[in-house]
Amino acid sequence: MDFHLQDPPSNMVPPFSSPPRAVIRNNFAGDVAVAGLGRGQPLSVERNTTSSDEVE
């Protein structure tokens, strides 16, 4: 029981903490840049379209 309990977490920690960390950092930087520059403009247009659609 102890071996089985320490097997999953030990196996899930190394591979789950190394790759995801780099992916999350890369994704986070991209998401932040997109949300500030790319998402800022499209969001305004989408908001306007939704407002017009809701008003109509």
PDB file of N, CA and C in Angstrom:
ATOM      1  N   MET A   1       0.844  -1.209   0.000  1.00  0.00           N
ATOM      2  CA  MET A   1       0.000   0.000   0.000  1.00  0.00           C
ATOM      3  C   MET A   1       0.883   1.265   0.000  1.00  0.00           C
ATOM      4  N   ASP A   2       1.917   1.202   0.820  1.00  0.00           N
ATOM      5  CA  ASP A   2       2.814   2.356   0.894  1.00  0.00           C
ATOM      6  C   ASP A   2       3.570   2.535  -0.425  1.00  0.00           C
ATOM      7  N   PHE A   3       3.947   1.378  -0.977  1.00  0.00           N
ATOM      8  CA  PHE A   3       4.707   1.420  -2.233  1.00  0.00           C
ATOM      9  C   PHE A   3       3.828   1.957  -3.360  1.00  0.00           C
ATOM     10  N   HIS A   4       2.586   1.544  -3.344  1.00  0.00           N
ATOM     11  CA  HIS A   4       1.656   1.956  -4.412  1.00  0.00           C
ATOM     12  C   HIS A   4       1.320   3.445  -4.275  1.00  0.00           C
ATOM     13  N   LEU A   5       1.257   3.884  -3.039  1.00  0.00           N
ATOM     14  CA  LEU A   5       0.901   5.292  -2.816  1.00  0.00           C
ATOM     15  C   LEU A   5       2.063   6.201  -3.183  1.00  0.00           C
ATOM     16  N   GLN A   6       3.285   5.688  -2.976  1.00  0.00           N
ATOM     17  CA  GLN A   6       4.459   6.510  -3.289  1.00  0.00           C
ATOM     18  C   GLN A   6       4.847   6.367  -4.759  1.00  0.00           C
ATOM     19  N   ASP A   7       4.281   5.352  -5.409  1.00  0.00           N
ATOM     20  CA  ASP A   7       4.633   5.113  -6.820  1.00  0.00           C
ATOM     21  C   ASP A   7       3.957   6.140  -7.732  1.00  0.00           C
ATOM     22  N   PRO A   8       2.667   6.324  -7.603  1.00  0.00           N
ATOM     23  CA  PRO A   8       1.947   7.270  -8.476  1.00  0.00           C
ATOM     24  C   PRO A   8       2.442   8.709  -8.298  1.00  0.00           C
ATOM     25  N   PRO A   9       2.499   9.209  -7.075  1.00  0.00           N
ATOM     26  CA  PRO A   9       2.929  10.603  -6.870  1.00  0.00           C
ATOM     27  C   PRO A   9       4.360  10.827  -7.338  1.00  0.00           C
ATOM     28  N   SER A  10       5.229   9.852  -7.062  1.00  0.00           N
ATOM     29  CA  SER A  10       6.636   9.998  -7.461  1.00  0.00           C
ATOM     30  C   SER A  10       6.738  10.007  -8.987  1.00  0.00           C
ATOM     31  N   ASN A  11       5.919   9.209  -9.610  1.00  0.00           N
ATOM     32  CA  ASN A  11       5.963   9.102 -11.073  1.00  0.00           C
ATOM     33  C   ASN A  11       5.266  10.308 -11.712  1.00  0.00           C
ATOM     34  N   MET A  12       4.336  10.878 -11.003  1.00  0.00           N
ATOM     35  CA  MET A  12       3.562  11.995 -11.567  1.00  0.00           C
ATOM     36  C   MET A  12       4.227  13.343 -11.270  1.00  0.00           C
ATOM     37  N   VAL A  13       5.109  13.358 -10.298  1.00  0.00           N
ATOM     38  CA  VAL A  13       5.746  14.630  -9.918  1.00  0.00           C
ATOM     39  C   VAL A  13       6.867  15.024 -10.879  1.00  0.00           C
ATOM     40  N   PRO A  14       7.822  14.125 -11.128  1.00  0.00           N
ATOM     41  CA  PRO A  14       8.954  14.472 -12.008  1.00  0.00           C
ATOM     42  C   PRO A  14       8.511  14.834 -13.424  1.00  0.00           C
ATOM     43  N   PRO A  15       7.777  13.941 -14.103  1.00  0.00           N
ATOM     44  CA  PRO A  15       7.388  14.217 -15.490  1.00  0.00           C
ATOM     45  C   PRO A  15       6.296  15.278 -15.560  1.00  0.00           C
ATOM     46  N   PHE A  16       5.560  15.426 -14.487  1.00  0.00           N
ATOM     47  CA  PHE A  16       4.433  16.369 -14.514  1.00  0.00           C
ATOM     48  C   PHE A  16       4.871  17.774 -14.096  1.00  0.00           C
ATOM     49  N   SER A  17       6.068  17.837 -13.469  1.00  0.00           N
ATOM     50  CA  SER A  17       6.549  19.141 -12.974  1.00  0.00           C
ATOM     51  C   SER A  17       7.566  19.741 -13.933  1.00  0.00           C
ATOM     52  N   SER A  18       8.138  18.896 -14.790  1.00  0.00           N
ATOM     53  CA  SER A  18       9.180  19.389 -15.705  1.00  0.00           C
ATOM     54  C   SER A  18       8.574  19.910 -17.010  1.00  0.00           C
ATOM     55  N   PRO A  19       7.883  19.076 -17.761  1.00  0.00           N
ATOM     56  CA  PRO A  19       7.342  19.497 -19.063  1.00  0.00           C
ATOM     57  C   PRO A  19       6.244  20.555 -18.920  1.00  0.00           C
ATOM     58  N   PRO A  20       5.263  20.335 -18.054  1.00  0.00           N
ATOM     59  CA  PRO A  20       4.169  21.308 -17.916  1.00  0.00           C
ATOM     60  C   PRO A  20       4.698  22.677 -17.502  1.00  0.00           C
ATOM     61  N   ARG A  21       5.752  22.678 -16.677  1.00  0.00           N
ATOM     62  CA  ARG A  21       6.266  23.969 -16.191  1.00  0.00           C
ATOM     63  C   ARG A  21       6.761  24.800 -17.383  1.00  0.00           C
ATOM     64  N   ALA A  22       7.478  24.167 -18.277  1.00  0.00           N
ATOM     65  CA  ALA A  22       8.018  24.885 -19.442  1.00  0.00           C
ATOM     66  C   ALA A  22       6.874  25.260 -20.389  1.00  0.00           C
ATOM     67  N   VAL A  23       5.927  24.368 -20.518  1.00  0.00           N
ATOM     68  CA  VAL A  23       4.785  24.627 -21.420  1.00  0.00           C
ATOM     69  C   VAL A  23       3.922  25.750 -20.855  1.00  0.00           C
ATOM     70  N   ILE A  24       3.687  25.693 -19.544  1.00  0.00           N
ATOM     71  CA  ILE A  24       2.844  26.725 -18.909  1.00  0.00           C
ATOM     72  C   ILE A  24       3.534  28.088 -19.015  1.00  0.00           C
ATOM     73  N   ARG A  25       4.862  28.080 -18.844  1.00  0.00           N
ATOM     74  CA  ARG A  25       5.597  29.358 -18.893  1.00  0.00           C
ATOM     75  C   ARG A  25       5.520  29.917 -20.312  1.00  0.00           C
ATOM     76  N   ASN A  26       5.669  29.040 -21.281  1.00  0.00           N
ATOM     77  CA  ASN A  26       5.621  29.465 -22.677  1.00  0.00           C
ATOM     78  C   ASN A  26       4.197  29.881 -23.044  1.00  0.00           C
ATOM     79  N   ASN A  27       3.244  29.123 -22.569  1.00  0.00           N
ATOM     80  CA  ASN A  27       1.841  29.413 -22.866  1.00  0.00           C
ATOM     81  C   ASN A  27       1.401  30.686 -22.149  1.00  0.00           C
ATOM     82  N   PHE A  28       1.905  30.838 -20.922  1.00  0.00           N
ATOM     83  CA  PHE A  28       1.522  32.008 -20.122  1.00  0.00           C
ATOM     84  C   PHE A  28       2.025  33.291 -20.790  1.00  0.00           C
ATOM     85  N   ALA A  29       3.279  33.261 -21.223  1.00  0.00           N
ATOM     86  CA  ALA A  29       3.864  34.447 -21.869  1.00  0.00           C
ATOM     87  C   ALA A  29       3.110  34.747 -23.157  1.00  0.00           C
ATOM     88  N   GLY A  30       2.771  33.701 -23.895  1.00  0.00           N
ATOM     89  CA  GLY A  30       2.041  33.894 -25.160  1.00  0.00           C
ATOM     90  C   GLY A  30       0.629  34.378 -24.883  1.00  0.00           C
ATOM     91  N   ASP A  31      -0.001  33.799 -23.881  1.00  0.00           N
ATOM     92  CA  ASP A  31      -1.372  34.189 -23.540  1.00  0.00           C
ATOM     93  C   ASP A  31      -1.406  35.636 -23.070  1.00  0.00           C
ATOM     94  N   VAL A  32      -0.411  36.009 -22.271  1.00  0.00           N
ATOM     95  CA  VAL A  32      -0.363  37.379 -21.741  1.00  0.00           C
ATOM     96  C   VAL A  32      -0.140  38.379 -22.873  1.00  0.00           C
ATOM     97  N   ALA A  33       0.766  38.018 -23.783  1.00  0.00           N
ATOM     98  CA  ALA A  33       1.064  38.922 -24.905  1.00  0.00           C
ATOM     99  C   ALA A  33      -0.148  39.013 -25.821  1.00  0.00           C
ATOM    100  N   VAL A  34      -0.800  37.885 -26.030  1.00  0.00           N
ATOM    101  CA  VAL A  34      -1.983  37.860 -26.909  1.00  0.00           C
ATOM    102  C   VAL A  34      -3.143  38.596 -26.238  1.00  0.00           C
ATOM    103  N   ALA A  35      -3.265  38.409 -24.930  1.00  0.00           N
ATOM    104  CA  ALA A  35      -4.382  39.040 -24.211  1.00  0.00           C
ATOM    105  C   ALA A  35      -4.178  40.553 -24.153  1.00  0.00           C
ATOM    106  N   GLY A  36      -2.914  40.984 -24.117  1.00  0.00           N
ATOM    107  CA  GLY A  36      -2.632  42.428 -24.015  1.00  0.00           C
ATOM    108  C   GLY A  36      -2.641  43.097 -25.374  1.00  0.00           C
ATOM    109  N   LEU A  37      -2.135  42.388 -26.384  1.00  0.00           N
ATOM    110  CA  LEU A  37      -2.026  43.014 -27.714  1.00  0.00           C
ATOM    111  C   LEU A  37      -3.052  42.429 -28.683  1.00  0.00           C
ATOM    112  N   GLY A  38      -3.098  41.099 -28.746  1.00  0.00           N
ATOM    113  CA  GLY A  38      -3.994  40.439 -29.714  1.00  0.00           C
ATOM    114  C   GLY A  38      -5.416  40.371 -29.193  1.00  0.00           C
ATOM    115  N   ARG A  39      -5.558  40.043 -27.925  1.00  0.00           N
ATOM    116  CA  ARG A  39      -6.912  39.876 -27.387  1.00  0.00           C
ATOM    117  C   ARG A  39      -7.540  41.240 -27.096  1.00  0.00           C
ATOM    118  N   GLY A  40      -6.732  42.237 -26.919  1.00  0.00           N
ATOM    119  CA  GLY A  40      -7.277  43.564 -26.587  1.00  0.00           C
ATOM    120  C   GLY A  40      -8.136  44.098 -27.719  1.00  0.00           C
ATOM    121  N   GLN A  41      -7.637  44.008 -28.931  1.00  0.00           N
ATOM    122  CA  GLN A  41      -8.380  44.558 -30.077  1.00  0.00           C
ATOM    123  C   GLN A  41      -9.582  43.684 -30.439  1.00  0.00           C
ATOM    124  N   PRO A  42      -9.359  42.379 -30.618  1.00  0.00           N
ATOM    125  CA  PRO A  42     -10.471  41.497 -30.996  1.00  0.00           C
ATOM    126  C   PRO A  42     -11.569  41.508 -29.940  1.00  0.00           C
ATOM    127  N   LEU A  43     -11.164  41.647 -28.691  1.00  0.00           N
ATOM    128  CA  LEU A  43     -12.161  41.647 -27.618  1.00  0.00           C
ATOM    129  C   LEU A  43     -13.069  42.865 -27.771  1.00  0.00           C
ATOM    130  N   SER A  44     -12.491  43.977 -28.160  1.00  0.00           N
ATOM    131  CA  SER A  44     -13.283  45.204 -28.319  1.00  0.00           C
ATOM    132  C   SER A  44     -14.285  45.026 -29.457  1.00  0.00           C
ATOM    133  N   VAL A  45     -13.825  44.429 -30.530  1.00  0.00           N
ATOM    134  CA  VAL A  45     -14.698  44.230 -31.694  1.00  0.00           C
ATOM    135  C   VAL A  45     -15.780  43.218 -31.352  1.00  0.00           C
ATOM    136  N   GLU A  46     -15.357  42.164 -30.648  1.00  0.00           N
ATOM    137  CA  GLU A  46     -16.335  41.124 -30.293  1.00  0.00           C
ATOM    138  C   GLU A  46     -17.346  41.693 -29.306  1.00  0.00           C
ATOM    139  N   ARG A  47     -16.903  42.537 -28.444  1.00  0.00           N
ATOM    140  CA  ARG A  47     -17.809  43.116 -27.442  1.00  0.00           C
ATOM    141  C   ARG A  47     -18.811  44.033 -28.154  1.00  0.00           C
ATOM    142  N   ASN A  48     -18.335  44.748 -29.120  1.00  0.00           N
ATOM    143  CA  ASN A  48     -19.213  45.645 -29.856  1.00  0.00           C
ATOM    144  C   ASN A  48     -20.245  44.839 -30.641  1.00  0.00           C
ATOM    145  N   THR A  49     -19.799  43.755 -31.220  1.00  0.00           N
ATOM    146  CA  THR A  49     -20.708  42.909 -32.011  1.00  0.00           C
ATOM    147  C   THR A  49     -21.749  42.277 -31.099  1.00  0.00           C
ATOM    148  N   THR A  50     -21.298  41.855 -29.929  1.00  0.00           N
ATOM    149  CA  THR A  50     -22.237  41.214 -28.997  1.00  0.00           C
ATOM    150  C   THR A  50     -23.233  42.255 -28.493  1.00  0.00           C
ATOM    151  N   SER A  51     -22.758  43.458 -28.261  1.00  0.00           N
ATOM    152  CA  SER A  51     -23.632  44.518 -27.755  1.00  0.00           C
ATOM    153  C   SER A  51     -24.679  44.864 -28.818  1.00  0.00           C
ATOM    154  N   SER A  52     -24.227  44.963 -30.048  1.00  0.00           N
ATOM    155  CA  SER A  52     -25.135  45.300 -31.151  1.00  0.00           C
ATOM    156  C   SER A  52     -26.146  44.172 -31.344  1.00  0.00           C
ATOM    157  N   ASP A  53     -25.655  42.948 -31.211  1.00  0.00           N
ATOM    158  CA  ASP A  53     -26.529  41.786 -31.398  1.00  0.00           C
ATOM    159  C   ASP A  53     -27.564  41.729 -30.280  1.00  0.00           C
ATOM    160  N   GLU A  54     -27.124  42.044 -29.077  1.00  0.00           N
ATOM    161  CA  GLU A  54     -28.048  41.989 -27.934  1.00  0.00           C
ATOM    162  C   GLU A  54     -29.042  43.147 -28.012  1.00  0.00           C
ATOM    163  N   VAL A  55     -28.587  44.282 -28.487  1.00  0.00           N
ATOM    164  CA  VAL A  55     -29.472  45.455 -28.574  1.00  0.00           C
ATOM    165  C   VAL A  55     -30.547  45.213 -29.628  1.00  0.00           C
ATOM    166  N   GLU A  56     -30.118  44.598 -30.742  1.00  0.00           N
ATOM    167  CA  GLU A  56     -31.076  44.337 -31.822  1.00  0.00           C
ATOM    168  C   GLU A  56     -32.028  43.245 -31.367  1.00  0.00           C
TER     169      GLU A  56
END
